[in-house]
Structures are given as structure tokens and as C-alpha cells.
Amino acid sequence: MLEGIRVIDFTNYLPGPFATLRLADLGAEIIKVEPPGGDPARHTGMSQNRDGIVFQANNRQKKSITLNLKEKDGLETALKLISNSDVVIESFRPGVMGKLGLGLEDVQKVKPDIVYCSISGYGQKGLLSGLGNHDINYMALSGVLAQLKDKQGRPVHPSITFADYLGGYAANERILAGLVSRFLTGKGSYHSISITDQLVSLLGNHVMVEKEMSEGTGISVLNGSIIAYALYETMDGRFMSMGALEPKFWENFCMAHGREDWIRAHFSKTDESNPVYQEVKAIFKSKPFFEWIEFAQKVDCCMAPVLEIGELQNNPYFKEKELIFTSSWGDCQVKMHSDLVQEHVAGPPKIGEHKNEILNSILI
């Protein structure tokens, strides 16, 4: 889809590399510009005899060149690369690219129709923009972390960096929009992605519910407060998710257990004083996890198991799509676009691996 599109990638760690990985899997040529020591992610979460896991997981299908952007030769090479490219993406602190001579105005002089995307925690200017922060901080400030609480009302520390990934998705979206706009108008564009702002964009329902009803946990039927949309523990301490919002799905669940009397309790509360809730909990605890998985595949009632990461690759659903695959270079990778077939997938590049190839391409 994106064959012929060249992206110059000045990003490190996760949000930017995740965005360009998605573009790479769509066919774009991603040239990863690294400092002489490499993307710091190469040294984060080290795996034996390879670069760090964070790097390995997010940089396949890319080419690497090392440049010292603080030196004249490195800057000139970077600008030459950009003049032969379609997209620039960067994730330095606000102002850094300008100080290096690679800010928007500098780049537009050599490539007027460039699509330029900056990813940062709080935007390029304004309050907080100059501060360093990470995923957990963006989650906290945005209000999203407050939606993940335990029964005592304490925020739960996520083990997945939601903010970083969402920032990558948003950058990906805006880059693609910028490319479409350029094809239509011939003009380039600039896109500032604030990761925190993108998290807030998820809260449209929550903000409106809070203003109208003074409830801070969003739409009540979706927050675990009704018995038809909740998590249930099985006999062996595993969990199943129930999402039977529509009457037909709840009826299917009830009738499969011969409990027509439960149907009228569809939107009743997950409250210990609710006898139907107590009975439903008891039903789930009467069978082991694997039996509930079989039940969910036979009875159309919006039910799915809460799987652990190690169970995904051999789960029939993911196995059929080969969504998680063993790479030719020996690790497990995750497809970015499950419906697309890729005949050849290149592994993450070694530091500066493609320098000669890239330099030769801009000398033509």
C-alpha cells in the first residue's frame, strides 16, 4: 500500500518506533536515523545475544543509519535524506530538532511538501511542554489511570504502556492523513502529537457523564456495575468476561443454564445483596476455565476468556491468523495488520547496517 513512501525516523524507545513499524508493515521504507550509540531501546530489556526486547519488538522491516546530528556532516546527510523523502517523524523534547537544524522551517527549505510529525508528552509549546515524563505520567494526568482502580479505589499500575501505544497510533493516523492531503493539494503539513491529549480524546463519554450525572467512571453499564457486563471467576481461579448487553445475548446465557428467571435481572447490580448476582457467580465457580471457554464458543452470549500472554500464540483464534509468529531471526513477533500477507519480513536492523545502501540512494 505504501510502497514508494520513504519515512525518515528520528524516534527512539516506543511511541515513534511503534508508529513507523505499522507504516513499515504497510510497505513504507523506514530509514531509522540513530545516534552513534544506537536507539537507547537497543539497551532496554536486554535479551541474550540480541538488542533489547523493546527494540526487537518494534523495529523489524526498517533500515538503520547512524548519524551524529551535532556535527556538520551528520546534519547535511540528514537534510539530504529528507530532501529525498516523504515523511519526517521525531520524538525529541520540544525545540531539540530546531537546535539541531532539523526543525520544520529547516526541513521545508529542502523539502517543501514534507509531512512532518512530532511526538511529545505534552505538545510542542505551552504549560508542561518542556518537562520530561513517561507513560505512567501521561496516564495519570489524563484521567485514564483513574479509570483503572481496585476494589479499595486505589489506581492499578498497568503492565502495558497504553499511552505510548496510543501516541503511536495517533502519529500513524496523522501521517497517513498528511500524505493523503499532499496527494490532493501538493502541500506538506505539520503534525504535533501530544500523547496526553490523545489519552484525553478517549474520554468523551466519561466527560459528558461526569458533567451530566456527576459520575466519574463513564457509562454505568460498561464499568462492571451490572451482572450482564462483568468479570467472573471460575473454579480454578481464572476469569471470564461477560459482555451480554443486548437482551438476546443475556437470554442465551440464561437459557443455556435453564434459568429463565434470571432474564429479568439483566441490568441488575453486581452487588452482594443481589441474589441473582450471587447465583451467577456460583455458576461460574462451578466449572473450570477450559469448560467455560468451550461454553463461550458454543453459546452466543458475548463471552470470552481472560487469557494470559503466554496463551495467545496457541489460542485457536490467533493461531488461525498467525497474529503472533516465530520470526526467521528466532524470536516472537506480532503482526500489525492481521489481514495483510507479507511474503518477506526483515528482522530489526543492526546499528548502521544500511548506511552504505542509504547513502548511495541519495547520491543518485
Protein backbone atom coordinates (compact mmCIF):
# COMPACT_ATOMS: atom_id res chain seq x y z
CA MET A 1 0.00 0.00 0.00
CA LEU A 2 2.75 2.45 0.93
CA GLU A 3 5.43 1.17 -1.43
CA GLY A 4 7.44 4.16 -2.67
CA ILE A 5 6.87 6.19 0.50
CA ARG A 6 10.07 6.95 2.38
CA VAL A 7 9.95 7.87 6.08
CA ILE A 8 12.91 9.34 7.94
CA ASP A 9 12.53 8.19 11.52
CA PHE A 10 14.31 10.14 14.27
CA THR A 11 12.36 8.46 17.10
CA ASN A 12 13.54 6.23 19.94
CA TYR A 13 12.07 3.88 22.53
CA LEU A 14 8.39 3.12 21.86
CA PRO A 15 5.72 5.58 20.55
CA GLY A 16 7.56 6.59 17.37
CA PRO A 17 9.04 3.18 16.54
CA PHE A 18 5.60 1.60 17.04
CA ALA A 19 4.10 4.15 14.62
CA THR A 20 6.75 3.51 11.96
CA LEU A 21 6.52 -0.26 12.45
CA ARG A 22 2.87 -0.02 11.44
CA LEU A 23 3.88 2.03 8.39
CA ALA A 24 6.65 -0.45 7.55
CA ASP A 25 4.20 -3.34 7.61
CA LEU A 26 2.08 -1.35 5.14
CA GLY A 27 5.04 -1.21 2.75
CA ALA A 28 6.71 2.12 3.54
CA GLU A 29 10.51 2.36 3.55
CA ILE A 30 11.55 3.35 7.06
CA ILE A 31 15.04 4.80 7.47
CA LYS A 32 15.86 4.82 11.14
CA VAL A 33 18.38 7.56 11.95
CA GLU A 34 20.23 6.56 15.11
CA PRO A 35 22.93 8.29 17.16
CA PRO A 36 26.34 6.58 17.08
CA GLY A 37 25.38 4.57 20.18
CA GLY A 38 22.08 3.49 18.68
CA ASP A 39 18.49 3.85 19.78
CA PRO A 40 18.56 3.60 23.61
CA ALA A 41 15.89 0.90 23.28
CA ARG A 42 18.64 -1.38 21.97
CA HIS A 43 19.84 -1.46 25.58
CA THR A 44 16.42 -1.67 27.28
CA GLY A 45 15.07 -5.06 28.36
CA MET A 46 18.11 -6.94 27.13
CA SER A 47 17.69 -10.37 25.56
CA GLN A 48 20.58 -12.80 25.27
CA ASN A 49 22.89 -12.15 22.30
CA ARG A 50 20.46 -9.61 20.81
CA ASP A 51 19.43 -5.99 21.15
CA GLY A 52 16.93 -5.07 23.83
CA ILE A 53 13.47 -6.58 23.67
CA VAL A 54 11.79 -3.18 23.23
CA PHE A 55 13.93 -2.58 20.15
CA GLN A 56 13.47 -6.10 18.77
CA ALA A 57 9.68 -5.90 19.08
CA ASN A 58 9.23 -2.57 17.31
CA ASN A 59 11.85 -2.21 14.59
CA ARG A 60 11.56 -5.01 12.05
CA GLN A 61 11.32 -4.07 8.39
CA LYS A 62 13.43 -0.94 8.91
CA LYS A 63 16.81 0.29 7.70
CA SER A 64 19.38 1.83 10.03
CA ILE A 65 21.90 4.60 9.53
CA THR A 66 23.94 6.21 12.30
CA LEU A 67 24.50 9.97 12.17
CA ASN A 68 25.92 12.45 14.65
CA LEU A 69 23.39 15.24 14.13
CA LYS A 70 25.50 17.66 16.18
CA GLU A 71 28.23 17.55 13.53
CA LYS A 72 28.07 19.30 10.15
CA ASP A 73 28.43 16.13 8.10
CA GLY A 74 25.68 14.37 10.02
CA LEU A 75 23.29 17.30 9.66
CA GLU A 76 23.99 17.67 5.94
CA THR A 77 23.40 13.94 5.38
CA ALA A 78 20.14 14.10 7.32
CA LEU A 79 18.89 17.04 5.24
CA LYS A 80 19.89 15.25 2.04
CA LEU A 81 17.95 12.20 3.18
CA ILE A 82 14.92 14.33 3.97
CA SER A 83 15.05 16.04 0.57
CA ASN A 84 14.58 12.58 -0.97
CA SER A 85 11.80 11.51 1.37
CA ASP A 86 8.10 11.97 2.10
CA VAL A 87 7.79 11.94 5.88
CA VAL A 88 9.81 13.01 8.91
CA ILE A 89 8.87 11.76 12.35
CA GLU A 90 10.69 12.76 15.55
CA SER A 91 10.22 12.37 19.29
CA PHE A 92 12.83 14.63 20.87
CA ARG A 93 11.91 17.16 23.52
CA PRO A 94 10.28 20.27 22.01
CA GLY A 95 12.86 22.54 20.41
CA VAL A 96 15.64 19.98 20.04
CA MET A 97 15.14 19.41 16.31
CA GLY A 98 15.25 23.17 15.75
CA LYS A 99 18.52 23.49 17.66
CA LEU A 100 19.99 20.70 15.53
CA GLY A 101 18.97 22.50 12.33
CA LEU A 102 16.21 19.98 11.56
CA GLY A 103 13.15 21.94 12.64
CA LEU A 104 10.14 22.35 10.41
CA GLU A 105 11.39 25.52 8.70
CA ASP A 106 14.83 23.99 8.10
CA VAL A 107 13.30 20.88 6.59
CA GLN A 108 10.82 22.78 4.42
CA LYS A 109 13.72 24.58 2.75
CA VAL A 110 14.96 21.28 1.30
CA LYS A 111 11.56 19.53 1.01
CA PRO A 112 8.63 22.00 0.86
CA ASP A 113 5.96 19.28 0.70
CA ILE A 114 7.24 17.20 3.61
CA VAL A 115 4.82 15.59 6.05
CA TYR A 116 6.44 16.33 9.42
CA CYS A 117 5.25 14.71 12.67
CA SER A 118 6.46 15.44 16.21
CA ILE A 119 5.54 13.18 19.13
CA SER A 120 5.83 14.51 22.67
CA GLY A 121 4.20 14.05 26.05
CA TYR A 122 2.52 17.45 26.32
CA GLY A 123 2.81 19.10 22.91
CA GLN A 124 5.42 21.43 21.43
CA LYS A 125 4.58 24.54 23.43
CA GLY A 126 2.65 25.66 26.47
CA LEU A 127 2.41 24.50 30.07
CA LEU A 128 4.39 21.31 30.84
CA SER A 129 5.78 21.04 27.29
CA GLY A 130 9.39 21.27 28.45
CA LEU A 131 9.12 18.59 31.13
CA GLY A 132 10.32 15.03 30.81
CA ASN A 133 7.76 12.36 31.65
CA HIS A 134 6.78 8.80 30.77
CA ASP A 135 3.73 6.67 30.04
CA ILE A 136 2.57 6.39 33.65
CA ASN A 137 2.61 10.20 33.98
CA TYR A 138 0.51 10.72 30.85
CA MET A 139 -1.93 8.07 32.06
CA ALA A 140 -2.19 9.78 35.44
CA LEU A 141 -2.61 13.36 34.24
CA SER A 142 -5.13 12.49 31.52
CA GLY A 143 -7.63 10.88 33.89
CA VAL A 144 -7.31 7.50 32.20
CA LEU A 145 -5.39 5.92 35.08
CA ALA A 146 -8.23 6.86 37.45
CA GLN A 147 -10.46 4.52 35.43
CA LEU A 148 -8.33 1.54 36.48
CA LYS A 149 -8.94 1.05 40.21
CA ASP A 150 -9.09 -1.90 42.58
CA LYS A 151 -11.98 -2.57 44.96
CA GLN A 152 -10.46 -0.22 47.51
CA GLY A 153 -10.46 2.63 45.00
CA ARG A 154 -6.69 2.67 44.51
CA PRO A 155 -5.34 3.15 40.96
CA VAL A 156 -3.89 -0.04 39.49
CA HIS A 157 -0.45 0.20 37.92
CA PRO A 158 -0.84 -1.12 34.33
CA SER A 159 1.71 -3.57 32.97
CA ILE A 160 1.23 -2.27 29.43
CA THR A 161 2.16 1.24 28.33
CA PHE A 162 -1.18 2.28 26.90
CA ALA A 163 -0.17 5.92 26.40
CA ASP A 164 2.92 5.12 24.33
CA TYR A 165 0.98 2.85 22.01
CA LEU A 166 -1.91 5.27 21.62
CA GLY A 167 0.58 8.02 20.82
CA GLY A 168 2.00 5.79 18.10
CA TYR A 169 -1.45 5.13 16.66
CA ALA A 170 -2.24 8.85 16.63
CA ALA A 171 1.04 9.69 14.89
CA ASN A 172 0.36 6.96 12.35
CA GLU A 173 -3.11 8.35 11.69
CA ARG A 174 -1.92 11.91 11.20
CA ILE A 175 0.97 10.89 8.94
CA LEU A 176 -1.40 8.99 6.69
CA ALA A 177 -3.81 11.95 6.67
CA GLY A 178 -0.90 14.22 5.80
CA LEU A 179 0.09 12.00 2.88
CA VAL A 180 -3.48 11.97 1.55
CA SER A 181 -3.63 15.76 1.86
CA ARG A 182 -0.34 16.11 -0.01
CA PHE A 183 -1.56 13.92 -2.85
CA LEU A 184 -4.72 16.05 -3.08
CA THR A 185 -3.20 19.51 -2.67
CA GLY A 186 0.51 19.13 -3.33
CA LYS A 187 1.23 20.72 0.04
CA GLY A 188 3.05 19.31 3.04
CA SER A 189 1.85 19.57 6.63
CA TYR A 190 2.99 19.63 10.25
CA HIS A 191 1.50 17.44 12.99
CA SER A 192 2.17 17.81 16.73
CA ILE A 193 1.07 14.74 18.67
CA SER A 194 0.66 15.21 22.42
CA ILE A 195 0.40 11.77 23.98
CA THR A 196 -1.53 13.13 26.96
CA ASP A 197 -4.03 14.89 24.70
CA GLN A 198 -4.59 11.68 22.78
CA LEU A 199 -5.44 9.88 26.01
CA VAL A 200 -7.95 12.58 26.90
CA SER A 201 -9.56 12.05 23.48
CA LEU A 202 -10.66 8.63 24.76
CA LEU A 203 -12.76 10.21 27.49
CA GLY A 204 -15.60 11.83 25.54
CA ASN A 205 -18.22 9.58 27.14
CA HIS A 206 -16.66 9.95 30.59
CA VAL A 207 -16.51 13.75 30.48
CA MET A 208 -20.14 14.02 29.42
CA VAL A 209 -21.35 11.51 32.01
CA GLU A 210 -19.44 13.35 34.75
CA LYS A 211 -20.95 16.70 33.77
CA GLU A 212 -24.48 15.36 33.40
CA MET A 213 -24.57 12.81 36.23
CA SER A 214 -21.54 13.59 38.45
CA GLU A 215 -20.21 10.05 37.93
CA GLY A 216 -16.52 9.71 37.14
CA THR A 217 -16.44 6.17 35.82
CA GLY A 218 -18.18 6.59 32.49
CA ILE A 219 -21.27 4.80 31.20
CA SER A 220 -22.56 2.76 34.12
CA VAL A 221 -23.45 -0.39 32.17
CA LEU A 222 -19.85 -0.61 30.93
CA ASN A 223 -17.97 -0.19 34.20
CA GLY A 224 -18.67 -3.57 35.80
CA SER A 225 -21.69 -2.44 37.80
CA ILE A 226 -24.27 -4.74 36.11
CA ILE A 227 -24.28 -8.54 36.10
CA ALA A 228 -24.50 -8.91 32.31
CA TYR A 229 -21.29 -6.93 31.73
CA ALA A 230 -18.71 -8.07 34.25
CA LEU A 231 -15.80 -10.37 35.04
CA TYR A 232 -16.41 -13.72 36.72
CA GLU A 233 -14.03 -16.10 38.47
CA THR A 234 -14.02 -19.78 37.51
CA MET A 235 -13.50 -22.88 39.66
CA ASP A 236 -9.73 -22.81 39.12
CA GLY A 237 -9.17 -19.13 39.82
CA ARG A 238 -9.23 -17.94 36.21
CA PHE A 239 -11.60 -15.32 34.82
CA MET A 240 -14.19 -14.99 32.07
CA SER A 241 -15.51 -11.74 30.62
CA MET A 242 -19.25 -11.33 30.10
CA GLY A 243 -20.48 -8.60 27.74
CA ALA A 244 -24.14 -9.53 27.20
CA LEU A 245 -25.58 -6.02 26.92
CA GLU A 246 -28.22 -6.85 24.31
CA PRO A 247 -31.23 -8.82 25.65
CA LYS A 248 -30.76 -11.68 23.16
CA PHE A 249 -27.24 -12.42 24.41
CA TRP A 250 -28.24 -12.34 28.07
CA GLU A 251 -31.23 -14.55 27.30
CA ASN A 252 -28.94 -17.03 25.52
CA PHE A 253 -26.74 -17.23 28.60
CA CYS A 254 -29.68 -17.64 30.97
CA MET A 255 -31.50 -20.24 28.86
CA ALA A 256 -28.29 -22.26 28.38
CA HIS A 257 -28.40 -22.77 32.15
CA GLY A 258 -32.14 -23.35 32.30
CA ARG A 259 -32.60 -20.16 34.30
CA GLU A 260 -35.33 -18.21 32.57
CA ASP A 261 -35.93 -16.47 35.90
CA TRP A 262 -32.58 -14.67 35.54
CA ILE A 263 -33.63 -12.85 32.37
CA ARG A 264 -35.46 -10.07 34.19
CA ALA A 265 -32.29 -9.34 36.19
CA HIS A 266 -30.40 -8.34 33.03
CA PHE A 267 -29.36 -4.88 34.24
CA SER A 268 -29.33 -5.60 37.97
CA LYS A 269 -26.30 -4.59 40.01
CA THR A 270 -23.15 -6.54 40.78
CA ASP A 271 -23.98 -6.07 44.41
CA GLU A 272 -23.51 -8.69 47.10
CA SER A 273 -27.14 -8.17 48.13
CA ASN A 274 -28.33 -9.16 44.62
CA PRO A 275 -29.37 -12.87 44.78
CA VAL A 276 -29.10 -13.36 41.00
CA TYR A 277 -25.56 -11.96 41.03
CA GLN A 278 -24.66 -14.43 43.77
CA GLU A 279 -26.13 -17.30 41.73
CA VAL A 280 -24.31 -16.27 38.56
CA LYS A 281 -21.04 -16.07 40.46
CA ALA A 282 -21.70 -19.54 41.86
CA ILE A 283 -22.38 -20.94 38.36
CA PHE A 284 -19.05 -19.62 37.10
CA LYS A 285 -17.22 -21.08 40.10
CA SER A 286 -18.81 -24.47 39.49
CA LYS A 287 -16.81 -25.14 36.30
CA PRO A 288 -13.12 -24.87 35.36
CA PHE A 289 -11.75 -22.33 32.92
CA PHE A 290 -11.50 -24.67 29.91
CA GLU A 291 -15.16 -25.66 30.19
CA TRP A 292 -16.19 -22.01 30.12
CA ILE A 293 -14.05 -21.47 27.03
CA GLU A 294 -15.95 -24.31 25.34
CA PHE A 295 -19.24 -22.83 26.53
CA ALA A 296 -18.33 -19.40 25.10
CA GLN A 297 -17.66 -20.95 21.69
CA LYS A 298 -20.99 -22.79 21.64
CA VAL A 299 -23.38 -20.29 23.23
CA ASP A 300 -23.65 -16.89 21.54
CA CYS A 301 -23.66 -14.69 24.64
CA CYS A 302 -20.70 -12.29 24.28
CA MET A 303 -18.29 -14.21 26.48
CA ALA A 304 -14.51 -14.56 26.21
CA PRO A 305 -11.72 -15.89 28.43
CA VAL A 306 -9.21 -13.60 30.14
CA LEU A 307 -6.08 -15.04 28.55
CA GLU A 308 -2.52 -14.71 29.76
CA ILE A 309 0.16 -13.53 27.31
CA GLY A 310 1.75 -16.98 27.09
CA GLU A 311 -1.55 -18.47 25.96
CA LEU A 312 -2.08 -16.24 22.94
CA GLN A 313 0.12 -17.90 20.32
CA ASN A 314 -1.56 -21.30 20.69
CA ASN A 315 -5.09 -19.98 21.07
CA PRO A 316 -7.12 -21.17 18.04
CA TYR A 317 -8.30 -17.66 17.16
CA PHE A 318 -4.80 -16.15 16.99
CA LYS A 319 -3.23 -19.33 15.63
CA GLU A 320 -5.57 -19.30 12.63
CA LYS A 321 -4.47 -15.75 11.75
CA GLU A 322 -0.81 -16.30 12.69
CA LEU A 323 -1.07 -12.99 14.50
CA ILE A 324 1.85 -13.95 16.72
CA PHE A 325 4.55 -15.63 14.68
CA THR A 326 8.02 -17.04 15.17
CA SER A 327 10.32 -14.91 13.07
CA SER A 328 13.04 -16.15 10.76
CA TRP A 329 15.57 -14.49 13.08
CA GLY A 330 14.40 -16.52 16.06
CA ASP A 331 12.02 -14.52 18.26
CA CYS A 332 8.26 -14.00 18.52
CA GLN A 333 6.78 -11.05 16.67
CA VAL A 334 3.26 -9.61 16.45
CA LYS A 335 1.63 -8.63 13.17
CA MET A 336 0.48 -5.04 12.92
CA HIS A 337 -2.15 -5.75 10.25
CA SER A 338 -3.60 -9.22 10.63
CA ASP A 339 -5.34 -9.26 7.23
CA LEU A 340 -2.22 -8.47 5.18
CA VAL A 341 0.12 -11.17 3.90
CA GLN A 342 3.83 -10.36 3.86
CA GLU A 343 6.00 -12.65 1.79
CA HIS A 344 9.29 -11.49 3.29
CA VAL A 345 9.75 -9.95 6.72
CA ALA A 346 13.16 -8.45 7.50
CA GLY A 347 14.46 -8.50 11.04
CA PRO A 348 15.35 -5.46 13.15
CA PRO A 349 18.48 -3.81 11.72
CA LYS A 350 21.88 -3.82 13.33
CA ILE A 351 23.23 -0.39 14.23
CA GLY A 352 24.07 1.41 10.97
CA GLU A 353 23.52 -1.75 8.96
CA HIS A 354 22.19 0.04 5.87
CA LYS A 355 24.42 3.10 5.88
CA ASN A 356 26.11 2.46 2.53
CA GLU A 357 22.84 1.49 0.84
CA ILE A 358 21.10 4.62 2.13
CA LEU A 359 23.96 6.97 1.23
CA ASN A 360 24.17 5.52 -2.26
CA SER A 361 20.44 6.07 -2.74
CA ILE A 362 20.68 9.82 -2.12
CA LEU A 363 23.71 10.25 -4.37
CA ILE A 364 21.81 9.05 -7.44
